[in-house]
Amino acid sequence: MNEKKEDLTLDLKALKEQESRKRISKGYMWALFCAVFWGIWYLPGTVIWVLNPFDCSEQLRKQTEMGSLL
């Protein structure tokens, strides 16, 4: 009976240690995954949010308004 308790506690400890290793491994994989995709998105995302739009509709509207006033 005492041997079964020891085996059970050893099995539980081994399972806890194995689960801990899996979680740490998956955590590092998720961190790497997120870092790679953040890096891929960093430059285009910055361009989208920082630069003004490339269409000239506002400039054309101002030019036509000024032209119609002349």
N, C-alpha and C. Protein backbone atom coordinates (compact mmCIF):
# COMPACT_ATOMS: atom_id res chain seq x y z
N MET A 1 0.84 -1.20 0.00
CA MET A 1 0.00 0.00 0.00
C MET A 1 0.87 1.25 0.00
N ASN A 2 1.93 1.23 0.80
CA ASN A 2 2.83 2.37 0.90
C ASN A 2 3.57 2.60 -0.43
N GLU A 3 3.88 1.49 -1.13
CA GLU A 3 4.57 1.60 -2.42
C GLU A 3 3.66 2.26 -3.45
N LYS A 4 2.38 1.95 -3.41
CA LYS A 4 1.43 2.55 -4.36
C LYS A 4 1.33 4.06 -4.15
N LYS A 5 1.33 4.50 -2.90
CA LYS A 5 1.29 5.93 -2.62
C LYS A 5 2.54 6.62 -3.16
N GLU A 6 3.69 5.99 -2.95
CA GLU A 6 4.94 6.58 -3.45
C GLU A 6 4.94 6.63 -4.97
N ASP A 7 4.47 5.55 -5.61
CA ASP A 7 4.41 5.54 -7.08
C ASP A 7 3.45 6.61 -7.59
N LEU A 8 2.35 6.76 -6.89
CA LEU A 8 1.36 7.76 -7.29
C LEU A 8 1.91 9.17 -7.15
N THR A 9 2.60 9.43 -6.05
CA THR A 9 3.17 10.77 -5.87
C THR A 9 4.28 11.03 -6.88
N LEU A 10 5.08 10.01 -7.19
CA LEU A 10 6.12 10.18 -8.19
C LEU A 10 5.51 10.43 -9.57
N ASP A 11 4.45 9.71 -9.88
CA ASP A 11 3.77 9.91 -11.16
C ASP A 11 3.17 11.30 -11.25
N LEU A 12 2.58 11.76 -10.15
CA LEU A 12 2.00 13.10 -10.16
C LEU A 12 3.08 14.17 -10.30
N LYS A 13 4.18 13.98 -9.62
CA LYS A 13 5.28 14.93 -9.75
C LYS A 13 5.83 14.94 -11.18
N ALA A 14 5.97 13.75 -11.75
CA ALA A 14 6.48 13.65 -13.12
C ALA A 14 5.50 14.31 -14.09
N LEU A 15 4.21 14.08 -13.89
CA LEU A 15 3.20 14.69 -14.76
C LEU A 15 3.19 16.21 -14.63
N LYS A 16 3.32 16.69 -13.39
CA LYS A 16 3.36 18.14 -13.19
C LYS A 16 4.59 18.75 -13.86
N GLU A 17 5.72 18.09 -13.74
CA GLU A 17 6.94 18.58 -14.36
C GLU A 17 6.83 18.55 -15.89
N GLN A 18 6.25 17.49 -16.41
CA GLN A 18 6.06 17.37 -17.85
C GLN A 18 5.11 18.47 -18.36
N GLU A 19 4.04 18.70 -17.66
CA GLU A 19 3.08 19.75 -18.05
C GLU A 19 3.74 21.12 -17.98
N SER A 20 4.55 21.33 -16.97
CA SER A 20 5.25 22.61 -16.84
C SER A 20 6.18 22.83 -18.03
N ARG A 21 6.90 21.80 -18.42
CA ARG A 21 7.80 21.91 -19.59
C ARG A 21 7.02 22.22 -20.86
N LYS A 22 5.86 21.55 -21.02
CA LYS A 22 5.03 21.79 -22.21
C LYS A 22 4.55 23.24 -22.24
N ARG A 23 4.09 23.74 -21.12
CA ARG A 23 3.58 25.12 -21.06
C ARG A 23 4.68 26.13 -21.35
N ILE A 24 5.85 25.90 -20.80
CA ILE A 24 6.97 26.81 -21.04
C ILE A 24 7.35 26.78 -22.51
N SER A 25 7.40 25.57 -23.08
CA SER A 25 7.76 25.43 -24.49
C SER A 25 6.73 26.13 -25.38
N LYS A 26 5.46 25.92 -25.09
CA LYS A 26 4.40 26.56 -25.89
C LYS A 26 4.42 28.06 -25.69
N GLY A 27 4.74 28.51 -24.51
CA GLY A 27 4.81 29.94 -24.24
C GLY A 27 5.91 30.61 -25.06
N TYR A 28 7.07 29.96 -25.10
CA TYR A 28 8.16 30.51 -25.91
C TYR A 28 7.82 30.48 -27.40
N MET A 29 7.12 29.44 -27.85
CA MET A 29 6.72 29.37 -29.25
C MET A 29 5.73 30.49 -29.59
N TRP A 30 4.77 30.75 -28.70
CA TRP A 30 3.82 31.84 -28.93
C TRP A 30 4.51 33.19 -28.92
N ALA A 31 5.46 33.36 -28.03
CA ALA A 31 6.20 34.62 -27.97
C ALA A 31 6.98 34.84 -29.26
N LEU A 32 7.63 33.81 -29.76
CA LEU A 32 8.37 33.91 -31.02
C LEU A 32 7.43 34.19 -32.18
N PHE A 33 6.30 33.49 -32.22
CA PHE A 33 5.29 33.69 -33.25
C PHE A 33 4.80 35.13 -33.27
N CYS A 34 4.47 35.66 -32.11
CA CYS A 34 3.98 37.04 -32.02
C CYS A 34 5.07 38.04 -32.40
N ALA A 35 6.29 37.78 -31.98
CA ALA A 35 7.40 38.69 -32.31
C ALA A 35 7.65 38.72 -33.81
N VAL A 36 7.59 37.57 -34.46
CA VAL A 36 7.82 37.52 -35.90
C VAL A 36 6.72 38.29 -36.63
N PHE A 37 5.47 38.04 -36.28
CA PHE A 37 4.40 38.74 -36.98
C PHE A 37 4.37 40.22 -36.65
N TRP A 38 4.73 40.60 -35.45
CA TRP A 38 4.83 42.03 -35.13
C TRP A 38 5.92 42.66 -35.98
N GLY A 39 7.03 41.98 -36.13
CA GLY A 39 8.13 42.49 -36.94
C GLY A 39 7.75 42.62 -38.40
N ILE A 40 7.01 41.64 -38.91
CA ILE A 40 6.56 41.70 -40.30
C ILE A 40 5.60 42.86 -40.50
N TRP A 41 4.74 43.12 -39.54
CA TRP A 41 3.73 44.16 -39.68
C TRP A 41 4.27 45.55 -39.33
N TYR A 42 5.38 45.65 -38.66
CA TYR A 42 5.85 46.92 -38.11
C TYR A 42 6.01 47.99 -39.19
N LEU A 43 6.74 47.72 -40.23
CA LEU A 43 6.99 48.73 -41.26
C LEU A 43 5.72 49.10 -42.03
N PRO A 44 4.98 48.14 -42.60
CA PRO A 44 3.75 48.53 -43.32
C PRO A 44 2.73 49.19 -42.39
N GLY A 45 2.65 48.73 -41.17
CA GLY A 45 1.70 49.34 -40.23
C GLY A 45 2.05 50.78 -39.93
N THR A 46 3.34 51.05 -39.78
CA THR A 46 3.80 52.41 -39.54
C THR A 46 3.50 53.29 -40.75
N VAL A 47 3.73 52.76 -41.92
CA VAL A 47 3.47 53.53 -43.14
C VAL A 47 1.99 53.87 -43.25
N ILE A 48 1.15 52.91 -42.96
CA ILE A 48 -0.30 53.14 -43.07
C ILE A 48 -0.75 54.21 -42.08
N TRP A 49 -0.25 54.18 -40.86
CA TRP A 49 -0.73 55.11 -39.84
C TRP A 49 -0.04 56.46 -39.86
N VAL A 50 1.16 56.56 -40.40
CA VAL A 50 1.92 57.80 -40.33
C VAL A 50 1.76 58.65 -41.59
N LEU A 51 1.85 58.02 -42.74
CA LEU A 51 1.82 58.78 -43.99
C LEU A 51 0.40 59.23 -44.33
N ASN A 52 0.32 60.37 -44.99
CA ASN A 52 -0.97 60.84 -45.49
C ASN A 52 -1.39 59.96 -46.66
N PRO A 53 -2.67 59.93 -46.94
CA PRO A 53 -3.13 59.13 -48.08
C PRO A 53 -2.50 59.66 -49.38
N PHE A 54 -2.35 58.78 -50.33
CA PHE A 54 -1.70 59.15 -51.57
C PHE A 54 -2.66 59.72 -52.60
N ASP A 55 -3.93 59.72 -52.32
CA ASP A 55 -4.85 60.30 -53.30
C ASP A 55 -4.81 61.82 -53.20
N CYS A 56 -5.04 62.46 -54.29
CA CYS A 56 -4.93 63.93 -54.36
C CYS A 56 -6.30 64.59 -54.42
N SER A 57 -7.32 63.91 -53.93
CA SER A 57 -8.67 64.44 -54.06
C SER A 57 -8.81 65.79 -53.34
N GLU A 58 -8.19 65.95 -52.20
CA GLU A 58 -8.27 67.22 -51.46
C GLU A 58 -7.59 68.34 -52.24
N GLN A 59 -6.43 68.07 -52.80
CA GLN A 59 -5.72 69.07 -53.59
C GLN A 59 -6.51 69.44 -54.83
N LEU A 60 -7.07 68.46 -55.51
CA LEU A 60 -7.86 68.73 -56.71
C LEU A 60 -9.09 69.56 -56.38
N ARG A 61 -9.73 69.25 -55.25
CA ARG A 61 -10.92 70.02 -54.85
C ARG A 61 -10.55 71.47 -54.61
N LYS A 62 -9.44 71.72 -53.92
CA LYS A 62 -9.01 73.09 -53.66
C LYS A 62 -8.67 73.82 -54.97
N GLN A 63 -8.00 73.14 -55.89
CA GLN A 63 -7.64 73.76 -57.15
C GLN A 63 -8.88 74.11 -57.97
N THR A 64 -9.86 73.23 -57.98
CA THR A 64 -11.07 73.52 -58.77
C THR A 64 -11.87 74.64 -58.12
N GLU A 65 -11.89 74.71 -56.82
CA GLU A 65 -12.59 75.81 -56.13
C GLU A 65 -11.91 77.14 -56.46
N MET A 66 -10.60 77.15 -56.42
CA MET A 66 -9.86 78.38 -56.72
C MET A 66 -10.01 78.74 -58.18
N GLY A 67 -10.03 77.74 -59.06
CA GLY A 67 -10.19 77.99 -60.49
C GLY A 67 -11.58 78.52 -60.81
N SER A 68 -12.58 78.06 -60.10
CA SER A 68 -13.95 78.53 -60.37
C SER A 68 -14.14 79.94 -59.83
N LEU A 69 -13.34 80.32 -58.83
CA LEU A 69 -13.47 81.68 -58.30
C LEU A 69 -12.79 82.70 -59.21
N LEU A 70 -11.82 82.27 -60.01
CA LEU A 70 -11.12 83.19 -60.89
C LEU A 70 -11.89 83.50 -62.07
